[in-house]
Amino acid sequence: MPRGRYSLHDPHDHTPLAEEHFRCAPGPSGWRYVSQLTTPAGDHSGSVDLTLDELGRPIRLELHAASWQVRGAALDGVTWVRTDPTGTHATEGNVAAHAFTGTSPAFLVATTRLLRLTPSASATRVRLVAFTDPVLAPRTVDQSWTLLKREPHATDNGPLTVEEYQVTALDTGEQHTVHIAGDVVLAAPGIELEDLESPPSAFPAPPLD
């Protein structure tokens, strides 16, 4: 079970935003990721709890940030309930999208599990609902993902396969690169892996159709 810490920063001016202390692992249902976020000053600022099924679909999502809360799942597309800090107002949303995304590195791993790309495949389009900080406001985004290469790297614990993805925002054409090993993000815009206590988990082979 990988356990570690990411630092999150503004990808444009590198202003520190948060630290995300996480643990994750494949399980009977697919994959689960849980984390706690702290501000640069060390104060608690939110949490992430995401569970995927064996096909990479989000079967449970719970986000907390600035006293806002979101609970969601893949249901008729994706469905969620967003609750305000007072707990008195809840708004339900539903979009014909494939999955969720946000600032947590968990969502990058989740998208790769959903798409299951190969280096020879062409770019794949995906529609996601993004929950943006600090109030977890929902926004639908369209992206294109391409697996550029998959390379083994020697480590003290044996070979580690690193995948390099190119992600394109289809509304702006902006592109960036994401590096992932198993269920851990090694590098992405606004994300740095600062500490990892155990090697990334290797996902089981996808189920046959």
C-alpha atoms as a PDB file:
ATOM      1  CA  MET A   1       0.000   0.000   0.000  1.00  0.00           C
ATOM      2  CA  PRO A   2       1.785   3.157  -1.172  1.00  0.00           C
ATOM      3  CA  ARG A   3       1.810   5.907   1.413  1.00  0.00           C
ATOM      4  CA  GLY A   4       3.422   9.288   0.954  1.00  0.00           C
ATOM      5  CA  ARG A   5       3.120  13.014   0.450  1.00  0.00           C
ATOM      6  CA  TYR A   6       2.543  15.283  -2.519  1.00  0.00           C
ATOM      7  CA  SER A   7       3.136  19.025  -2.580  1.00  0.00           C
ATOM      8  CA  LEU A   8       0.596  21.018  -4.586  1.00  0.00           C
ATOM      9  CA  HIS A   9       1.436  24.403  -6.051  1.00  0.00           C
ATOM     10  CA  ASP A  10       0.143  26.879  -8.612  1.00  0.00           C
ATOM     11  CA  PRO A  11       1.436  25.550 -11.954  1.00  0.00           C
ATOM     12  CA  HIS A  12       1.950  29.086 -13.264  1.00  0.00           C
ATOM     13  CA  ASP A  13       3.754  30.962 -10.479  1.00  0.00           C
ATOM     14  CA  HIS A  14       4.636  27.963  -8.226  1.00  0.00           C
ATOM     15  CA  THR A  15       2.915  29.454  -5.175  1.00  0.00           C
ATOM     16  CA  PRO A  16       2.595  26.643  -2.570  1.00  0.00           C
ATOM     17  CA  LEU A  17      -1.052  25.651  -2.110  1.00  0.00           C
ATOM     18  CA  ALA A  18      -1.151  22.526   0.041  1.00  0.00           C
ATOM     19  CA  GLU A  19       0.422  19.249   1.024  1.00  0.00           C
ATOM     20  CA  GLU A  20      -1.513  16.041   0.431  1.00  0.00           C
ATOM     21  CA  HIS A  21      -0.736  13.081   2.696  1.00  0.00           C
ATOM     22  CA  PHE A  22      -2.073   9.973   0.985  1.00  0.00           C
ATOM     23  CA  ARG A  23      -2.355   6.222   0.946  1.00  0.00           C
ATOM     24  CA  CYS A  24      -3.800   4.057  -1.799  1.00  0.00           C
ATOM     25  CA  ALA A  25      -4.071   0.438  -2.899  1.00  0.00           C
ATOM     26  CA  PRO A  26      -5.851  -1.916  -5.261  1.00  0.00           C
ATOM     27  CA  GLY A  27      -8.601  -3.852  -3.533  1.00  0.00           C
ATOM     28  CA  PRO A  28     -11.494  -6.229  -4.168  1.00  0.00           C
ATOM     29  CA  SER A  29     -13.558  -3.493  -5.820  1.00  0.00           C
ATOM     30  CA  GLY A  30     -10.765  -1.923  -7.865  1.00  0.00           C
ATOM     31  CA  TRP A  31      -8.711   0.860  -6.235  1.00  0.00           C
ATOM     32  CA  ARG A  32      -9.068   3.215  -3.279  1.00  0.00           C
ATOM     33  CA  TYR A  33      -7.255   6.462  -2.484  1.00  0.00           C
ATOM     34  CA  VAL A  34      -7.606   8.473   0.725  1.00  0.00           C
ATOM     35  CA  SER A  35      -5.761  11.635   1.705  1.00  0.00           C
ATOM     36  CA  GLN A  36      -5.690  14.580   4.069  1.00  0.00           C
ATOM     37  CA  LEU A  37      -4.677  18.045   2.906  1.00  0.00           C
ATOM     38  CA  THR A  38      -2.899  20.727   4.909  1.00  0.00           C
ATOM     39  CA  THR A  39      -2.122  24.355   4.115  1.00  0.00           C
ATOM     40  CA  PRO A  40       1.508  25.538   3.810  1.00  0.00           C
ATOM     41  CA  ALA A  41       1.116  26.664   7.441  1.00  0.00           C
ATOM     42  CA  GLY A  42       0.178  23.126   8.474  1.00  0.00           C
ATOM     43  CA  ASP A  43      -3.553  23.609   9.082  1.00  0.00           C
ATOM     44  CA  HIS A  44      -6.030  20.966   7.917  1.00  0.00           C
ATOM     45  CA  SER A  45      -7.728  22.119   4.708  1.00  0.00           C
ATOM     46  CA  GLY A  46      -9.571  19.158   3.231  1.00  0.00           C
ATOM     47  CA  SER A  47      -9.673  15.489   2.323  1.00  0.00           C
ATOM     48  CA  VAL A  48     -10.155  13.115  -0.589  1.00  0.00           C
ATOM     49  CA  ASP A  49     -11.712   9.635  -0.557  1.00  0.00           C
ATOM     50  CA  LEU A  50     -12.042   7.990  -3.974  1.00  0.00           C
ATOM     51  CA  THR A  51     -12.931   4.385  -4.826  1.00  0.00           C
ATOM     52  CA  LEU A  52     -12.858   2.988  -8.368  1.00  0.00           C
ATOM     53  CA  ASP A  53     -14.330  -0.262  -9.635  1.00  0.00           C
ATOM     54  CA  GLU A  54     -12.245  -2.733 -11.648  1.00  0.00           C
ATOM     55  CA  LEU A  55     -13.026  -0.809 -14.855  1.00  0.00           C
ATOM     56  CA  GLY A  56     -11.806   2.496 -13.406  1.00  0.00           C
ATOM     57  CA  ARG A  57     -15.253   4.005 -12.868  1.00  0.00           C
ATOM     58  CA  PRO A  58     -15.786   6.110  -9.715  1.00  0.00           C
ATOM     59  CA  ILE A  59     -18.134   4.148  -7.469  1.00  0.00           C
ATOM     60  CA  ARG A  60     -17.602   6.480  -4.508  1.00  0.00           C
ATOM     61  CA  LEU A  61     -16.162   9.971  -4.160  1.00  0.00           C
ATOM     62  CA  GLU A  62     -16.116  12.182  -1.095  1.00  0.00           C
ATOM     63  CA  LEU A  63     -14.338  15.541  -1.098  1.00  0.00           C
ATOM     64  CA  HIS A  64     -13.996  18.125   1.671  1.00  0.00           C
ATOM     65  CA  ALA A  65     -12.540  21.624   1.212  1.00  0.00           C
ATOM     66  CA  ALA A  66     -13.114  24.873   3.104  1.00  0.00           C
ATOM     67  CA  SER A  67     -16.072  23.211   4.885  1.00  0.00           C
ATOM     68  CA  TRP A  68     -17.718  22.391   1.545  1.00  0.00           C
ATOM     69  CA  GLN A  69     -18.483  18.735   0.819  1.00  0.00           C
ATOM     70  CA  VAL A  70     -19.097  16.733  -2.353  1.00  0.00           C
ATOM     71  CA  ARG A  71     -20.307  13.133  -2.566  1.00  0.00           C
ATOM     72  CA  GLY A  72     -20.468  11.543  -5.989  1.00  0.00           C
ATOM     73  CA  ALA A  73     -20.472   8.376  -8.066  1.00  0.00           C
ATOM     74  CA  ALA A  74     -20.849   7.100 -11.607  1.00  0.00           C
ATOM     75  CA  LEU A  75     -24.629   6.975 -12.046  1.00  0.00           C
ATOM     76  CA  ASP A  76     -26.354   7.918 -15.318  1.00  0.00           C
ATOM     77  CA  GLY A  77     -23.075   9.543 -16.284  1.00  0.00           C
ATOM     78  CA  VAL A  78     -21.784  11.063 -13.059  1.00  0.00           C
ATOM     79  CA  THR A  79     -23.974  12.304 -10.226  1.00  0.00           C
ATOM     80  CA  TRP A  80     -23.018  14.280  -7.146  1.00  0.00           C
ATOM     81  CA  VAL A  81     -24.392  16.207  -4.182  1.00  0.00           C
ATOM     82  CA  ARG A  82     -22.597  19.384  -3.064  1.00  0.00           C
ATOM     83  CA  THR A  83     -23.260  20.694   0.444  1.00  0.00           C
ATOM     84  CA  ASP A  84     -22.436  24.196   1.700  1.00  0.00           C
ATOM     85  CA  PRO A  85     -20.429  24.878   4.904  1.00  0.00           C
ATOM     86  CA  THR A  86     -23.575  25.366   7.003  1.00  0.00           C
ATOM     87  CA  GLY A  87     -24.917  21.978   5.988  1.00  0.00           C
ATOM     88  CA  THR A  88     -28.328  23.470   5.266  1.00  0.00           C
ATOM     89  CA  HIS A  89     -28.189  23.644   1.469  1.00  0.00           C
ATOM     90  CA  ALA A  90     -27.410  20.703  -0.799  1.00  0.00           C
ATOM     91  CA  THR A  91     -27.356  20.855  -4.582  1.00  0.00           C
ATOM     92  CA  GLU A  92     -27.511  17.759  -6.759  1.00  0.00           C
ATOM     93  CA  GLY A  93     -25.841  17.622 -10.148  1.00  0.00           C
ATOM     94  CA  ASN A  94     -25.712  15.153 -13.003  1.00  0.00           C
ATOM     95  CA  VAL A  95     -23.696  15.304 -16.233  1.00  0.00           C
ATOM     96  CA  ALA A  96     -23.232  12.852 -19.085  1.00  0.00           C
ATOM     97  CA  ALA A  97     -19.523  12.516 -18.303  1.00  0.00           C
ATOM     98  CA  HIS A  98     -17.112   9.630 -17.773  1.00  0.00           C
ATOM     99  CA  ALA A  99     -15.638  10.476 -14.359  1.00  0.00           C
ATOM    100  CA  PHE A 100     -14.518  13.226 -11.963  1.00  0.00           C
ATOM    101  CA  THR A 101     -11.353  15.290 -11.719  1.00  0.00           C
ATOM    102  CA  GLY A 102      -9.832  17.956  -9.478  1.00  0.00           C
ATOM    103  CA  THR A 103      -6.559  19.114  -7.965  1.00  0.00           C
ATOM    104  CA  SER A 104      -5.746  15.821  -6.239  1.00  0.00           C
ATOM    105  CA  PRO A 105      -3.238  13.516  -7.986  1.00  0.00           C
ATOM    106  CA  ALA A 106      -5.764  10.726  -7.352  1.00  0.00           C
ATOM    107  CA  PHE A 107      -7.816  11.924 -10.308  1.00  0.00           C
ATOM    108  CA  LEU A 108      -4.907  11.584 -12.737  1.00  0.00           C
ATOM    109  CA  VAL A 109      -4.408   7.948 -11.717  1.00  0.00           C
ATOM    110  CA  ALA A 110      -8.159   7.400 -11.918  1.00  0.00           C
ATOM    111  CA  THR A 111      -8.344   8.742 -15.473  1.00  0.00           C
ATOM    112  CA  THR A 112      -5.552   6.457 -16.646  1.00  0.00           C
ATOM    113  CA  ARG A 113      -7.348   3.483 -15.063  1.00  0.00           C
ATOM    114  CA  LEU A 114     -10.522   4.419 -16.886  1.00  0.00           C
ATOM    115  CA  LEU A 115      -8.896   4.916 -20.301  1.00  0.00           C
ATOM    116  CA  ARG A 116      -6.361   2.028 -20.186  1.00  0.00           C
ATOM    117  CA  LEU A 117      -4.339   3.454 -23.054  1.00  0.00           C
ATOM    118  CA  THR A 118      -1.523   1.768 -24.946  1.00  0.00           C
ATOM    119  CA  PRO A 119       1.458   3.566 -26.514  1.00  0.00           C
ATOM    120  CA  SER A 120       0.250   2.642 -30.004  1.00  0.00           C
ATOM    121  CA  ALA A 121      -3.268   4.011 -29.466  1.00  0.00           C
ATOM    122  CA  SER A 122      -4.423   7.351 -30.826  1.00  0.00           C
ATOM    123  CA  ALA A 123      -5.512  10.188 -28.555  1.00  0.00           C
ATOM    124  CA  THR A 124      -8.649   9.418 -26.536  1.00  0.00           C
ATOM    125  CA  ARG A 125     -11.218  12.038 -25.612  1.00  0.00           C
ATOM    126  CA  VAL A 126     -12.771  12.035 -22.154  1.00  0.00           C
ATOM    127  CA  ARG A 127     -15.366  14.279 -20.491  1.00  0.00           C
ATOM    128  CA  LEU A 128     -14.854  14.930 -16.775  1.00  0.00           C
ATOM    129  CA  VAL A 129     -16.547  16.935 -14.044  1.00  0.00           C
ATOM    130  CA  ALA A 130     -13.909  19.011 -12.239  1.00  0.00           C
ATOM    131  CA  PHE A 131     -14.435  20.238  -8.679  1.00  0.00           C
ATOM    132  CA  THR A 132     -12.435  23.438  -8.317  1.00  0.00           C
ATOM    133  CA  ASP A 133     -10.988  24.809  -5.098  1.00  0.00           C
ATOM    134  CA  PRO A 134     -11.677  26.381  -2.712  1.00  0.00           C
ATOM    135  CA  VAL A 135     -15.461  25.765  -2.778  1.00  0.00           C
ATOM    136  CA  LEU A 136     -15.604  22.570  -4.889  1.00  0.00           C
ATOM    137  CA  ALA A 137     -17.555  24.275  -7.664  1.00  0.00           C
ATOM    138  CA  PRO A 138     -18.375  21.771 -10.457  1.00  0.00           C
ATOM    139  CA  ARG A 139     -17.245  22.415 -14.021  1.00  0.00           C
ATOM    140  CA  THR A 140     -17.425  20.093 -17.039  1.00  0.00           C
ATOM    141  CA  VAL A 141     -14.155  19.781 -18.965  1.00  0.00           C
ATOM    142  CA  ASP A 142     -13.187  17.882 -22.108  1.00  0.00           C
ATOM    143  CA  GLN A 143      -9.681  16.479 -22.401  1.00  0.00           C
ATOM    144  CA  SER A 144      -7.670  14.352 -24.791  1.00  0.00           C
ATOM    145  CA  TRP A 145      -5.219  11.799 -23.376  1.00  0.00           C
ATOM    146  CA  THR A 146      -2.347  10.069 -25.195  1.00  0.00           C
ATOM    147  CA  LEU A 147       0.093   7.538 -23.735  1.00  0.00           C
ATOM    148  CA  LEU A 148       3.391   8.654 -25.248  1.00  0.00           C
ATOM    149  CA  LYS A 149       5.579   5.879 -23.850  1.00  0.00           C
ATOM    150  CA  ARG A 150       5.918   3.224 -21.195  1.00  0.00           C
ATOM    151  CA  GLU A 151       9.444   2.593 -19.927  1.00  0.00           C
ATOM    152  CA  PRO A 152      10.961   0.391 -17.188  1.00  0.00           C
ATOM    153  CA  HIS A 153      13.368   2.062 -14.767  1.00  0.00           C
ATOM    154  CA  ALA A 154      15.727   0.189 -12.444  1.00  0.00           C
ATOM    155  CA  THR A 155      15.182   0.777  -8.698  1.00  0.00           C
ATOM    156  CA  ASP A 156      16.361  -0.839  -5.466  1.00  0.00           C
ATOM    157  CA  ASN A 157      13.052  -2.723  -5.356  1.00  0.00           C
ATOM    158  CA  GLY A 158      13.204  -3.961  -8.943  1.00  0.00           C
ATOM    159  CA  PRO A 159      12.089  -2.446 -12.243  1.00  0.00           C
ATOM    160  CA  LEU A 160       9.506   0.345 -12.076  1.00  0.00           C
ATOM    161  CA  THR A 161       7.398   1.009 -15.157  1.00  0.00           C
ATOM    162  CA  VAL A 162       6.815   4.721 -15.773  1.00  0.00           C
ATOM    163  CA  GLU A 163       4.111   5.931 -18.141  1.00  0.00           C
ATOM    164  CA  GLU A 164       4.278   9.336 -19.804  1.00  0.00           C
ATOM    165  CA  TYR A 165       0.960  10.871 -20.866  1.00  0.00           C
ATOM    166  CA  GLN A 166       0.168  13.958 -22.889  1.00  0.00           C
ATOM    167  CA  VAL A 167      -3.023  15.697 -21.769  1.00  0.00           C
ATOM    168  CA  THR A 168      -4.719  18.326 -23.929  1.00  0.00           C
ATOM    169  CA  ALA A 169      -7.466  20.666 -22.737  1.00  0.00           C
ATOM    170  CA  LEU A 170      -9.831  20.673 -25.689  1.00  0.00           C
ATOM    171  CA  ASP A 171     -11.309  24.105 -24.923  1.00  0.00           C
ATOM    172  CA  THR A 172      -7.950  25.920 -24.954  1.00  0.00           C
ATOM    173  CA  GLY A 173      -5.562  23.519 -26.709  1.00  0.00           C
ATOM    174  CA  GLU A 174      -3.185  23.766 -23.738  1.00  0.00           C
ATOM    175  CA  GLN A 175      -1.045  20.639 -23.322  1.00  0.00           C
ATOM    176  CA  HIS A 176       0.890  19.213 -20.420  1.00  0.00           C
ATOM    177  CA  THR A 177       2.697  16.010 -19.500  1.00  0.00           C
ATOM    178  CA  VAL A 178       1.924  13.602 -16.657  1.00  0.00           C
ATOM    179  CA  HIS A 179       4.274  10.865 -15.403  1.00  0.00           C
ATOM    180  CA  ILE A 180       2.696   7.966 -13.498  1.00  0.00           C
ATOM    181  CA  ALA A 181       4.096   4.728 -12.054  1.00  0.00           C
ATOM    182  CA  GLY A 182       1.421   2.247 -10.999  1.00  0.00           C
ATOM    183  CA  ASP A 183      -0.915   4.194  -8.728  1.00  0.00           C
ATOM    184  CA  VAL A 184       1.467   7.050  -7.914  1.00  0.00           C
ATOM    185  CA  VAL A 185       1.916  10.319  -9.810  1.00  0.00           C
ATOM    186  CA  LEU A 186       5.625  11.045 -10.159  1.00  0.00           C
ATOM    187  CA  ALA A 187       5.250  14.481 -11.725  1.00  0.00           C
ATOM    188  CA  ALA A 188       2.534  16.674 -13.238  1.00  0.00           C
ATOM    189  CA  PRO A 189       1.819  20.417 -13.461  1.00  0.00           C
ATOM    190  CA  GLY A 190       1.260  21.712  -9.944  1.00  0.00           C
ATOM    191  CA  ILE A 191       2.142  18.345  -8.373  1.00  0.00           C
ATOM    192  CA  GLU A 192       5.411  17.079  -6.901  1.00  0.00           C
ATOM    193  CA  LEU A 193       5.890  13.723  -5.171  1.00  0.00           C
ATOM    194  CA  GLU A 194       7.841  14.650  -2.045  1.00  0.00           C
ATOM    195  CA  ASP A 195       7.869  11.376  -0.109  1.00  0.00           C
ATOM    196  CA  LEU A 196       6.943   7.746  -0.794  1.00  0.00           C
ATOM    197  CA  GLU A 197       7.259   5.087   1.902  1.00  0.00           C
ATOM    198  CA  SER A 198       6.697   2.043  -0.323  1.00  0.00           C
ATOM    199  CA  PRO A 199       6.729   1.293  -4.063  1.00  0.00           C
ATOM    200  CA  PRO A 200       3.661   1.994  -6.210  1.00  0.00           C
ATOM    201  CA  SER A 201       1.109  -0.796  -6.508  1.00  0.00           C
ATOM    202  CA  ALA A 202       0.972  -2.791  -9.720  1.00  0.00           C
ATOM    203  CA  PHE A 203      -2.541  -2.976 -11.065  1.00  0.00           C
ATOM    204  CA  PRO A 204      -3.929  -6.367 -12.046  1.00  0.00           C
ATOM    205  CA  ALA A 205      -4.590  -7.098 -15.700  1.00  0.00           C
ATOM    206  CA  PRO A 206      -7.926  -5.672 -16.909  1.00  0.00           C
ATOM    207  CA  PRO A 207     -10.842  -8.096 -16.996  1.00  0.00           C
ATOM    208  CA  LEU A 208     -11.638  -9.743 -20.307  1.00  0.00           C
ATOM    209  CA  ASP A 209     -14.701  -8.539 -22.183  1.00  0.00           C
END
